[in-house]
PDB file of N, CA and C in Angstrom:
ATOM      1  N   ALA A   1      73.466 131.230  75.991  1.00  0.00           N
ATOM      2  CA  ALA A   1      72.206 131.513  76.632  1.00  0.00           C
ATOM      3  C   ALA A   1      71.844 130.419  77.631  1.00  0.00           C
ATOM      4  N   MET A   2      72.014 129.151  77.263  1.00  0.00           N
ATOM      5  CA  MET A   2      71.670 128.061  78.176  1.00  0.00           C
ATOM      6  C   MET A   2      72.537 128.096  79.428  1.00  0.00           C
ATOM      7  N   GLU A   3      73.809 128.365  79.248  1.00  0.00           N
ATOM      8  CA  GLU A   3      74.700 128.411  80.407  1.00  0.00           C
ATOM      9  C   GLU A   3      74.300 129.531  81.352  1.00  0.00           C
ATOM     10  N   ALA A   4      73.948 130.688  80.811  1.00  0.00           N
ATOM     11  CA  ALA A   4      73.523 131.817  81.646  1.00  0.00           C
ATOM     12  C   ALA A   4      72.238 131.487  82.410  1.00  0.00           C
ATOM     13  N   GLU A   5      71.308 130.799  81.761  1.00  0.00           N
ATOM     14  CA  GLU A   5      70.042 130.439  82.411  1.00  0.00           C
ATOM     15  C   GLU A   5      70.235 129.415  83.521  1.00  0.00           C
ATOM     16  N   HIS A   6      71.247 128.587  83.404  1.00  0.00           N
ATOM     17  CA  HIS A   6      71.487 127.545  84.396  1.00  0.00           C
ATOM     18  C   HIS A   6      72.594 127.928  85.375  1.00  0.00           C
ATOM     19  N   GLY A   7      73.083 129.152  85.281  1.00  0.00           N
ATOM     20  CA  GLY A   7      74.176 129.570  86.153  1.00  0.00           C
ATOM     21  C   GLY A   7      73.910 130.845  86.919  1.00  0.00           C
ATOM     22  N   GLY A   8      72.747 131.422  86.760  1.00  0.00           N
ATOM     23  CA  GLY A   8      72.419 132.674  87.429  1.00  0.00           C
ATOM     24  C   GLY A   8      71.989 132.461  88.872  1.00  0.00           C
ATOM     25  N   GLU A   9      71.473 133.517  89.457  1.00  0.00           N
ATOM     26  CA  GLU A   9      71.048 133.484  90.863  1.00  0.00           C
ATOM     27  C   GLU A   9      69.960 132.436  91.105  1.00  0.00           C
ATOM     28  N   ASP A  10      68.982 132.349  90.205  1.00  0.00           N
ATOM     29  CA  ASP A  10      67.908 131.366  90.361  1.00  0.00           C
ATOM     30  C   ASP A  10      68.428 129.930  90.278  1.00  0.00           C
ATOM     31  N   ALA A  11      69.556 129.741  89.624  1.00  0.00           N
ATOM     32  CA  ALA A  11      70.121 128.397  89.469  1.00  0.00           C
ATOM     33  C   ALA A  11      70.643 127.835  90.786  1.00  0.00           C
ATOM     34  N   GLN A  12      70.742 128.689  91.801  1.00  0.00           N
ATOM     35  CA  GLN A  12      71.217 128.258  93.119  1.00  0.00           C
ATOM     36  C   GLN A  12      70.097 127.673  93.970  1.00  0.00           C
ATOM     37  N   ARG A  13      68.854 127.895  93.553  1.00  0.00           N
ATOM     38  CA  ARG A  13      67.702 127.431  94.338  1.00  0.00           C
ATOM     39  C   ARG A  13      67.534 125.925  94.194  1.00  0.00           C
ATOM     40  N   HIS A  14      67.265 125.260  95.299  1.00  0.00           N
ATOM     41  CA  HIS A  14      67.047 123.820  95.279  1.00  0.00           C
ATOM     42  C   HIS A  14      65.625 123.498  94.826  1.00  0.00           C
ATOM     43  N   PHE A  15      65.495 122.385  94.151  1.00  0.00           N
ATOM     44  CA  PHE A  15      64.178 121.874  93.789  1.00  0.00           C
ATOM     45  C   PHE A  15      64.158 120.378  94.086  1.00  0.00           C
ATOM     46  N   LYS A  16      62.967 119.873  94.322  1.00  0.00           N
ATOM     47  CA  LYS A  16      62.805 118.459  94.639  1.00  0.00           C
ATOM     48  C   LYS A  16      62.592 117.670  93.357  1.00  0.00           C
ATOM     49  N   THR A  17      63.256 116.540  93.261  1.00  0.00           N
ATOM     50  CA  THR A  17      63.087 115.648  92.129  1.00  0.00           C
ATOM     51  C   THR A  17      63.130 114.212  92.644  1.00  0.00           C
ATOM     52  N   CYS A  18      62.486 113.326  91.922  1.00  0.00           N
ATOM     53  CA  CYS A  18      62.469 111.910  92.318  1.00  0.00           C
ATOM     54  C   CYS A  18      62.978 111.064  91.162  1.00  0.00           C
ATOM     55  N   ARG A  19      63.718 110.050  91.506  1.00  0.00           N
ATOM     56  CA  ARG A  19      64.254 109.137  90.497  1.00  0.00           C
ATOM     57  C   ARG A  19      63.129 108.303  89.902  1.00  0.00           C
ATOM     58  N   TRP A  20      63.305 107.962  88.628  1.00  0.00           N
ATOM     59  CA  TRP A  20      62.375 107.038  87.994  1.00  0.00           C
ATOM     60  C   TRP A  20      62.758 105.632  88.420  1.00  0.00           C
ATOM     61  N   GLY A  21      61.847 104.742  88.372  1.00  0.00           N
ATOM     62  CA  GLY A  21      62.157 103.355  88.670  1.00  0.00           C
ATOM     63  C   GLY A  21      61.635 102.922  90.022  1.00  0.00           C
ATOM     64  N   PRO A  22      61.985 101.710  90.407  1.00  0.00           N
ATOM     65  CA  PRO A  22      61.425 101.112  91.612  1.00  0.00           C
ATOM     66  C   PRO A  22      61.727 101.874  92.900  1.00  0.00           C
ATOM     67  N   SER A  23      62.911 102.460  93.011  1.00  0.00           N
ATOM     68  CA  SER A  23      63.261 103.123  94.279  1.00  0.00           C
ATOM     69  C   SER A  23      62.438 104.384  94.493  1.00  0.00           C
ATOM     70  N   GLY A  24      62.206 105.146  93.425  1.00  0.00           N
ATOM     71  CA  GLY A  24      61.455 106.390  93.531  1.00  0.00           C
ATOM     72  C   GLY A  24      62.054 107.373  94.522  1.00  0.00           C
ATOM     73  N   GLU A  25      63.331 107.198  94.830  1.00  0.00           N
ATOM     74  CA  GLU A  25      64.025 108.046  95.800  1.00  0.00           C
ATOM     75  C   GLU A  25      63.956 109.517  95.378  1.00  0.00           C
ATOM     76  N   CYS A  26      63.625 110.384  96.337  1.00  0.00           N
ATOM     77  CA  CYS A  26      63.555 111.823  96.078  1.00  0.00           C
ATOM     78  C   CYS A  26      64.764 112.508  96.700  1.00  0.00           C
ATOM     79  N   TYR A  27      65.198 113.585  96.089  1.00  0.00           N
ATOM     80  CA  TYR A  27      66.345 114.336  96.582  1.00  0.00           C
ATOM     81  C   TYR A  27      66.255 115.775  96.090  1.00  0.00           C
ATOM     82  N   GLN A  28      67.120 116.625  96.592  1.00  0.00           N
ATOM     83  CA  GLN A  28      67.185 118.029  96.195  1.00  0.00           C
ATOM     84  C   GLN A  28      68.300 118.215  95.169  1.00  0.00           C
ATOM     85  N   SER A  29      68.061 119.054  94.201  1.00  0.00           N
ATOM     86  CA  SER A  29      69.087 119.403  93.219  1.00  0.00           C
ATOM     87  C   SER A  29      68.969 120.889  92.919  1.00  0.00           C
ATOM     88  N   ARG A  30      69.866 121.378  92.088  1.00  0.00           N
ATOM     89  CA  ARG A  30      69.850 122.778  91.655  1.00  0.00           C
ATOM     90  C   ARG A  30      70.124 122.811  90.159  1.00  0.00           C
ATOM     91  N   ALA A  31      69.614 123.821  89.481  1.00  0.00           N
ATOM     92  CA  ALA A  31      69.847 123.954  88.039  1.00  0.00           C
ATOM     93  C   ALA A  31      71.340 124.029  87.739  1.00  0.00           C
ATOM     94  N   LEU A  32      72.090 124.728  88.570  1.00  0.00           N
ATOM     95  CA  LEU A  32      73.539 124.847  88.355  1.00  0.00           C
ATOM     96  C   LEU A  32      74.203 123.475  88.423  1.00  0.00           C
ATOM     97  N   ASP A  33      73.839 122.672  89.421  1.00  0.00           N
ATOM     98  CA  ASP A  33      74.437 121.345  89.552  1.00  0.00           C
ATOM     99  C   ASP A  33      74.088 120.467  88.358  1.00  0.00           C
ATOM    100  N   GLU A  34      72.851 120.554  87.889  1.00  0.00           N
ATOM    101  CA  GLU A  34      72.440 119.747  86.735  1.00  0.00           C
ATOM    102  C   GLU A  34      73.161 120.203  85.468  1.00  0.00           C
ATOM    103  N   TRP A  35      73.368 121.502  85.339  1.00  0.00           N
ATOM    104  CA  TRP A  35      74.123 122.029  84.194  1.00  0.00           C
ATOM    105  C   TRP A  35      75.551 121.487  84.216  1.00  0.00           C
ATOM    106  N   LEU A  36      76.187 121.541  85.368  1.00  0.00           N
ATOM    107  CA  LEU A  36      77.554 121.038  85.479  1.00  0.00           C
ATOM    108  C   LEU A  36      77.603 119.540  85.180  1.00  0.00           C
ATOM    109  N   PHE A  37      76.641 118.781  85.714  1.00  0.00           N
ATOM    110  CA  PHE A  37      76.597 117.347  85.458  1.00  0.00           C
ATOM    111  C   PHE A  37      76.479 117.056  83.961  1.00  0.00           C
ATOM    112  N   ALA A  38      75.672 117.845  83.273  1.00  0.00           N
ATOM    113  CA  ALA A  38      75.401 117.582  81.854  1.00  0.00           C
ATOM    114  C   ALA A  38      76.481 118.091  80.918  1.00  0.00           C
ATOM    115  N   THR A  39      77.312 119.042  81.366  1.00  0.00           N
ATOM    116  CA  THR A  39      78.201 119.707  80.404  1.00  0.00           C
ATOM    117  C   THR A  39      79.680 119.759  80.778  1.00  0.00           C
ATOM    118  N   VAL A  40      80.051 119.366  81.986  1.00  0.00           N
ATOM    119  CA  VAL A  40      81.428 119.558  82.452  1.00  0.00           C
ATOM    120  C   VAL A  40      82.046 118.210  82.827  1.00  0.00           C
ATOM    121  N   LYS A  41      83.350 118.063  82.547  1.00  0.00           N
ATOM    122  CA  LYS A  41      84.057 116.846  82.936  1.00  0.00           C
ATOM    123  C   LYS A  41      83.982 116.661  84.450  1.00  0.00           C
ATOM    124  N   GLU A  42      83.856 115.429  84.887  1.00  0.00           N
ATOM    125  CA  GLU A  42      83.682 115.133  86.305  1.00  0.00           C
ATOM    126  C   GLU A  42      84.819 115.692  87.158  1.00  0.00           C
ATOM    127  N   GLU A  43      86.032 115.647  86.660  1.00  0.00           N
ATOM    128  CA  GLU A  43      87.164 116.159  87.447  1.00  0.00           C
ATOM    129  C   GLU A  43      87.100 117.680  87.655  1.00  0.00           C
ATOM    130  N   ASP A  44      86.251 118.361  86.886  1.00  0.00           N
ATOM    131  CA  ASP A  44      86.094 119.809  87.032  1.00  0.00           C
ATOM    132  C   ASP A  44      84.869 120.199  87.852  1.00  0.00           C
ATOM    133  N   TRP A  45      84.147 119.215  88.394  1.00  0.00           N
ATOM    134  CA  TRP A  45      82.987 119.514  89.225  1.00  0.00           C
ATOM    135  C   TRP A  45      83.423 120.073  90.566  1.00  0.00           C
ATOM    136  N   PRO A  46      82.581 120.901  91.192  1.00  0.00           N
ATOM    137  CA  PRO A  46      82.849 121.310  92.572  1.00  0.00           C
ATOM    138  C   PRO A  46      82.788 120.080  93.483  1.00  0.00           C
ATOM    139  N   SER A  47      83.460 120.127  94.595  1.00  0.00           N
ATOM    140  CA  SER A  47      83.583 118.950  95.467  1.00  0.00           C
ATOM    141  C   SER A  47      82.237 118.409  95.945  1.00  0.00           C
ATOM    142  N   HIS A  48      81.241 119.270  96.138  1.00  0.00           N
ATOM    143  CA  HIS A  48      79.959 118.774  96.656  1.00  0.00           C
ATOM    144  C   HIS A  48      79.211 117.874  95.677  1.00  0.00           C
ATOM    145  N   LEU A  49      79.588 117.875  94.403  1.00  0.00           N
ATOM    146  CA  LEU A  49      78.906 117.024  93.418  1.00  0.00           C
ATOM    147  C   LEU A  49      79.486 115.617  93.348  1.00  0.00           C
ATOM    148  N   HIS A  50      80.726 115.453  93.764  1.00  0.00           N
ATOM    149  CA  HIS A  50      81.358 114.141  93.662  1.00  0.00           C
ATOM    150  C   HIS A  50      80.646 113.139  94.559  1.00  0.00           C
ATOM    151  N   GLY A  51      80.306 111.996  93.988  1.00  0.00           N
ATOM    152  CA  GLY A  51      79.641 110.938  94.733  1.00  0.00           C
ATOM    153  C   GLY A  51      78.140 111.132  94.899  1.00  0.00           C
ATOM    154  N   GLN A  52      77.595 112.242  94.406  1.00  0.00           N
ATOM    155  CA  GLN A  52      76.162 112.521  94.546  1.00  0.00           C
ATOM    156  C   GLN A  52      75.323 111.872  93.463  1.00  0.00           C
ATOM    157  N   HIS A  53      75.894 111.721  92.290  1.00  0.00           N
ATOM    158  CA  HIS A  53      75.111 111.252  91.146  1.00  0.00           C
ATOM    159  C   HIS A  53      75.360 109.774  90.885  1.00  0.00           C
ATOM    160  N   THR A  54      74.285 109.039  90.734  1.00  0.00           N
ATOM    161  CA  THR A  54      74.388 107.630  90.358  1.00  0.00           C
ATOM    162  C   THR A  54      74.075 107.447  88.869  1.00  0.00           C
ATOM    163  N   ARG A  55      73.752 108.541  88.211  1.00  0.00           N
ATOM    164  CA  ARG A  55      73.449 108.480  86.774  1.00  0.00           C
ATOM    165  C   ARG A  55      74.735 108.379  85.967  1.00  0.00           C
ATOM    166  N   LEU A  56      74.623 107.827  84.786  1.00  0.00           N
ATOM    167  CA  LEU A  56      75.756 107.723  83.881  1.00  0.00           C
ATOM    168  C   LEU A  56      76.150 109.122  83.416  1.00  0.00           C
ATOM    169  N   HIS A  57      77.407 109.457  83.570  1.00  0.00           N
ATOM    170  CA  HIS A  57      77.902 110.778  83.163  1.00  0.00           C
ATOM    171  C   HIS A  57      78.571 110.661  81.805  1.00  0.00           C
ATOM    172  N   VAL A  58      77.946 111.247  80.790  1.00  0.00           N
ATOM    173  CA  VAL A  58      78.485 111.248  79.432  1.00  0.00           C
ATOM    174  C   VAL A  58      78.393 112.674  78.908  1.00  0.00           C
ATOM    175  N   LEU A  59      79.521 113.225  78.495  1.00  0.00           N
ATOM    176  CA  LEU A  59      79.537 114.598  77.992  1.00  0.00           C
ATOM    177  C   LEU A  59      78.886 114.683  76.612  1.00  0.00           C
ATOM    178  N   PRO A  60      78.308 115.855  76.282  1.00  0.00           N
ATOM    179  CA  PRO A  60      77.642 116.017  74.982  1.00  0.00           C
ATOM    180  C   PRO A  60      78.520 115.676  73.778  1.00  0.00           C
ATOM    181  N   LYS A  61      79.793 116.029  73.811  1.00  0.00           N
ATOM    182  CA  LYS A  61      80.636 115.732  72.638  1.00  0.00           C
ATOM    183  C   LYS A  61      80.842 114.227  72.470  1.00  0.00           C
ATOM    184  N   GLU A  62      80.790 113.469  73.577  1.00  0.00           N
ATOM    185  CA  GLU A  62      80.882 112.010  73.482  1.00  0.00           C
ATOM    186  C   GLU A  62      79.589 111.433  72.902  1.00  0.00           C
ATOM    187  N   VAL A  63      78.456 111.992  73.297  1.00  0.00           N
ATOM    188  CA  VAL A  63      77.164 111.544  72.771  1.00  0.00           C
ATOM    189  C   VAL A  63      77.091 111.810  71.273  1.00  0.00           C
ATOM    190  N   ARG A  64      77.626 112.932  70.841  1.00  0.00           N
ATOM    191  CA  ARG A  64      77.578 113.284  69.407  1.00  0.00           C
ATOM    192  C   ARG A  64      78.315 112.279  68.541  1.00  0.00           C
ATOM    193  N   ARG A  65      79.246 111.542  69.119  1.00  0.00           N
ATOM    194  CA  ARG A  65      79.998 110.536  68.359  1.00  0.00           C
ATOM    195  C   ARG A  65      79.181 109.268  68.114  1.00  0.00           C
ATOM    196  N   ARG A  66      78.090 109.118  68.841  1.00  0.00           N
ATOM    197  CA  ARG A  66      77.256 107.931  68.677  1.00  0.00           C
ATOM    198  C   ARG A  66      76.515 107.991  67.352  1.00  0.00           C
ATOM    199  N   LYS A  67      76.290 106.841  66.809  1.00  0.00           N
ATOM    200  CA  LYS A  67      75.675 106.726  65.480  1.00  0.00           C
ATOM    201  C   LYS A  67      74.350 107.483  65.385  1.00  0.00           C
ATOM    202  N   GLU A  68      73.487 107.326  66.378  1.00  0.00           N
ATOM    203  CA  GLU A  68      72.164 107.952  66.339  1.00  0.00           C
ATOM    204  C   GLU A  68      72.258 109.474  66.354  1.00  0.00           C
ATOM    205  N   ALA A  69      73.148 109.998  67.185  1.00  0.00           N
ATOM    206  CA  ALA A  69      73.314 111.451  67.275  1.00  0.00           C
ATOM    207  C   ALA A  69      73.933 111.998  65.995  1.00  0.00           C
ATOM    208  N   ALA A  70      74.880 111.279  65.445  1.00  0.00           N
ATOM    209  CA  ALA A  70      75.510 111.721  64.193  1.00  0.00           C
ATOM    210  C   ALA A  70      74.491 111.738  63.062  1.00  0.00           C
ATOM    211  N   ARG A  71      73.653 110.711  63.008  1.00  0.00           N
ATOM    212  CA  ARG A  71      72.624 110.637  61.966  1.00  0.00           C
ATOM    213  C   ARG A  71      71.625 111.784  62.097  1.00  0.00           C
ATOM    214  N   ALA A  72      71.324 112.178  63.327  1.00  0.00           N
ATOM    215  CA  ALA A  72      70.368 113.269  63.563  1.00  0.00           C
ATOM    216  C   ALA A  72      71.007 114.647  63.419  1.00  0.00           C
ATOM    217  N   LEU A  73      72.323 114.691  63.228  1.00  0.00           N
ATOM    218  CA  LEU A  73      73.072 115.940  63.084  1.00  0.00           C
ATOM    219  C   LEU A  73      72.882 116.867  64.289  1.00  0.00           C
ATOM    220  N   LEU A  74      72.848 116.283  65.489  1.00  0.00           N
ATOM    221  CA  LEU A  74      72.658 117.073  66.706  1.00  0.00           C
ATOM    222  C   LEU A  74      73.890 117.917  67.009  1.00  0.00           C
ATOM    223  N   THR A  75      73.643 119.131  67.456  1.00  0.00           N
ATOM    224  CA  THR A  75      74.727 119.999  67.902  1.00  0.00           C
ATOM    225  C   THR A  75      75.034 119.703  69.371  1.00  0.00           C
ATOM    226  N   ILE A  76      76.152 120.198  69.856  1.00  0.00           N
ATOM    227  CA  ILE A  76      76.514 120.056  71.268  1.00  0.00           C
ATOM    228  C   ILE A  76      75.401 120.637  72.140  1.00  0.00           C
ATOM    229  N   GLU A  77      74.884 121.791  71.765  1.00  0.00           N
ATOM    230  CA  GLU A  77      73.838 122.457  72.536  1.00  0.00           C
ATOM    231  C   GLU A  77      72.569 121.617  72.591  1.00  0.00           C
ATOM    232  N   GLU A  78      72.215 121.007  71.462  1.00  0.00           N
ATOM    233  CA  GLU A  78      71.011 120.166  71.431  1.00  0.00           C
ATOM    234  C   GLU A  78      71.172 118.926  72.305  1.00  0.00           C
ATOM    235  N   VAL A  79      72.352 118.344  72.293  1.00  0.00           N
ATOM    236  CA  VAL A  79      72.603 117.172  73.141  1.00  0.00           C
ATOM    237  C   VAL A  79      72.521 117.571  74.615  1.00  0.00           C
ATOM    238  N   ALA A  80      73.113 118.711  74.967  1.00  0.00           N
ATOM    239  CA  ALA A  80      73.044 119.187  76.358  1.00  0.00           C
ATOM    240  C   ALA A  80      71.590 119.450  76.750  1.00  0.00           C
ATOM    241  N   ALA A  81      70.821 120.061  75.861  1.00  0.00           N
ATOM    242  CA  ALA A  81      69.415 120.348  76.146  1.00  0.00           C
ATOM    243  C   ALA A  81      68.620 119.051  76.333  1.00  0.00           C
ATOM    244  N   LEU A  82      68.884 118.056  75.517  1.00  0.00           N
ATOM    245  CA  LEU A  82      68.204 116.766  75.664  1.00  0.00           C
ATOM    246  C   LEU A  82      68.562 116.108  76.990  1.00  0.00           C
ATOM    247  N   ARG A  83      69.829 116.192  77.351  1.00  0.00           N
ATOM    248  CA  ARG A  83      70.266 115.598  78.622  1.00  0.00           C
ATOM    249  C   ARG A  83      69.576 116.285  79.803  1.00  0.00           C
ATOM    250  N   LEU A  84      69.513 117.598  79.754  1.00  0.00           N
ATOM    251  CA  LEU A  84      68.863 118.342  80.834  1.00  0.00           C
ATOM    252  C   LEU A  84      67.358 118.055  80.881  1.00  0.00           C
ATOM    253  N   ALA A  85      66.722 118.038  79.728  1.00  0.00           N
ATOM    254  CA  ALA A  85      65.270 117.866  79.667  1.00  0.00           C
ATOM    255  C   ALA A  85      64.817 116.459  80.053  1.00  0.00           C
ATOM    256  N   THR A  86      65.713 115.491  79.993  1.00  0.00           N
ATOM    257  CA  THR A  86      65.345 114.123  80.348  1.00  0.00           C
ATOM    258  C   THR A  86      65.883 113.718  81.718  1.00  0.00           C
ATOM    259  N   GLY A  87      66.496 114.661  82.418  1.00  0.00           N
ATOM    260  CA  GLY A  87      66.994 114.411  83.766  1.00  0.00           C
ATOM    261  C   GLY A  87      66.153 115.162  84.785  1.00  0.00           C
ATOM    262  N   PRO A  88      66.717 115.420  85.944  1.00  0.00           N
ATOM    263  CA  PRO A  88      65.967 116.112  87.004  1.00  0.00           C
ATOM    264  C   PRO A  88      65.436 117.497  86.609  1.00  0.00           C
ATOM    265  N   MET A  89      66.059 118.162  85.662  1.00  0.00           N
ATOM    266  CA  MET A  89      65.579 119.486  85.249  1.00  0.00           C
ATOM    267  C   MET A  89      64.194 119.415  84.610  1.00  0.00           C
ATOM    268  N   ARG A  90      63.752 118.220  84.218  1.00  0.00           N
ATOM    269  CA  ARG A  90      62.404 118.099  83.640  1.00  0.00           C
ATOM    270  C   ARG A  90      61.360 118.631  84.605  1.00  0.00           C
ATOM    271  N   GLU A  91      61.610 118.473  85.917  1.00  0.00           N
ATOM    272  CA  GLU A  91      60.676 118.984  86.925  1.00  0.00           C
ATOM    273  C   GLU A  91      60.512 120.498  86.782  1.00  0.00           C
ATOM    274  N   VAL A  92      61.623 121.186  86.661  1.00  0.00           N
ATOM    275  CA  VAL A  92      61.611 122.650  86.550  1.00  0.00           C
ATOM    276  C   VAL A  92      61.044 123.075  85.206  1.00  0.00           C
ATOM    277  N   TYR A  93      61.530 122.476  84.124  1.00  0.00           N
ATOM    278  CA  TYR A  93      61.050 122.848  82.794  1.00  0.00           C
ATOM    279  C   TYR A  93      59.542 122.645  82.665  1.00  0.00           C
ATOM    280  N   ASN A  94      59.048 121.497  83.132  1.00  0.00           N
ATOM    281  CA  ASN A  94      57.613 121.232  83.031  1.00  0.00           C
ATOM    282  C   ASN A  94      56.807 122.235  83.845  1.00  0.00           C
ATOM    283  N   LEU A  95      57.288 122.562  85.030  1.00  0.00           N
ATOM    284  CA  LEU A  95      56.591 123.522  85.870  1.00  0.00           C
ATOM    285  C   LEU A  95      56.515 124.890  85.188  1.00  0.00           C
ATOM    286  N   VAL A  96      57.624 125.332  84.634  1.00  0.00           N
ATOM    287  CA  VAL A  96      57.652 126.638  83.963  1.00  0.00           C
ATOM    288  C   VAL A  96      56.774 126.620  82.717  1.00  0.00           C
ATOM    289  N   LEU A  97      56.857 125.552  81.939  1.00  0.00           N
ATOM    290  CA  LEU A  97      56.051 125.475  80.715  1.00  0.00           C
ATOM    291  C   LEU A  97      54.559 125.427  81.006  1.00  0.00           C
ATOM    292  N   ARG A  98      54.193 124.837  82.132  1.00  0.00           N
ATOM    293  CA  ARG A  98      52.776 124.730  82.492  1.00  0.00           C
ATOM    294  C   ARG A  98      52.252 125.963  83.221  1.00  0.00           C
ATOM    295  N   SER A  99      53.142 126.860  83.590  1.00  0.00           N
ATOM    296  CA  SER A  99      52.714 128.081  84.279  1.00  0.00           C
ATOM    297  C   SER A  99      51.973 128.978  83.302  1.00  0.00           C
ATOM    298  N   HIS A 100      50.935 129.620  83.777  1.00  0.00           N
ATOM    299  CA  HIS A 100      50.152 130.487  82.902  1.00  0.00           C
ATOM    300  C   HIS A 100      50.609 131.929  82.954  1.00  0.00           C
ATOM    301  N   THR A 101      51.261 132.318  84.029  1.00  0.00           N
ATOM    302  CA  THR A 101      51.759 133.676  84.139  1.00  0.00           C
ATOM    303  C   THR A 101      53.152 133.640  84.720  1.00  0.00           C
ATOM    304  N   SER A 102      53.907 134.686  84.473  1.00  0.00           N
ATOM    305  CA  SER A 102      55.270 134.743  85.003  1.00  0.00           C
ATOM    306  C   SER A 102      55.268 134.855  86.521  1.00  0.00           C
ATOM    307  N   SER A 103      54.152 135.238  87.131  1.00  0.00           N
ATOM    308  CA  SER A 103      54.104 135.348  88.587  1.00  0.00           C
ATOM    309  C   SER A 103      54.219 133.984  89.258  1.00  0.00           C
ATOM    310  N   ASN A 104      53.955 132.895  88.520  1.00  0.00           N
ATOM    311  CA  ASN A 104      54.078 131.548  89.085  1.00  0.00           C
ATOM    312  C   ASN A 104      55.519 131.057  89.104  1.00  0.00           C
ATOM    313  N   VAL A 105      56.370 131.610  88.276  1.00  0.00           N
ATOM    314  CA  VAL A 105      57.722 131.103  88.107  1.00  0.00           C
ATOM    315  C   VAL A 105      58.581 131.195  89.362  1.00  0.00           C
ATOM    316  N   PRO A 106      58.549 132.254  90.165  1.00  0.00           N
ATOM    317  CA  PRO A 106      59.425 132.298  91.342  1.00  0.00           C
ATOM    318  C   PRO A 106      59.214 131.167  92.328  1.00  0.00           C
ATOM    319  N   SER A 107      58.082 130.483  92.293  1.00  0.00           N
ATOM    320  CA  SER A 107      57.835 129.408  93.243  1.00  0.00           C
ATOM    321  C   SER A 107      58.499 128.081  92.820  1.00  0.00           C
ATOM    322  N   VAL A 108      59.276 128.094  91.757  1.00  0.00           N
ATOM    323  CA  VAL A 108      59.914 126.879  91.267  1.00  0.00           C
ATOM    324  C   VAL A 108      60.739 126.213  92.360  1.00  0.00           C
ATOM    325  N   GLY A 109      61.377 126.982  93.227  1.00  0.00           N
ATOM    326  CA  GLY A 109      62.203 126.403  94.281  1.00  0.00           C
ATOM    327  C   GLY A 109      61.436 125.510  95.210  1.00  0.00           C
ATOM    328  N   ASP A 110      60.147 125.753  95.380  1.00  0.00           N
ATOM    329  CA  ASP A 110      59.302 124.914  96.236  1.00  0.00           C
ATOM    330  C   ASP A 110      58.471 123.918  95.440  1.00  0.00           C
ATOM    331  N   ASN A 111      58.670 123.859  94.145  1.00  0.00           N
ATOM    332  CA  ASN A 111      57.923 122.977  93.240  1.00  0.00           C
ATOM    333  C   ASN A 111      56.415 123.138  93.358  1.00  0.00           C
ATOM    334  N   ARG A 112      55.940 124.349  93.425  1.00  0.00           N
ATOM    335  CA  ARG A 112      54.492 124.587  93.445  1.00  0.00           C
ATOM    336  C   ARG A 112      54.057 125.169  92.133  1.00  0.00           C
TER     337      ARG A 112
END
């Protein structure tokens, strides 16, 4: 289900996100690109993603090997969801969660 939600037609739409920290640099991303970043080995990324991300790339199965994740009994899906929710997709998720009607959702591409 998560892969379908991040890989459909709407996943191609760009959204604006800004980095946390002193630089506050803003850039455009897409749900599909964030899904690939969070779940796919770097060598399997499409060419346009290479060199775009300055974030640490760690696959969910590698995170699950960490002591904290093992203690919490996190599944691969939960680790991927945490990675997405704490990265640029937080902009989209927060916007959708704060929307009061489904009529607001199509404007996600413009972050309104």
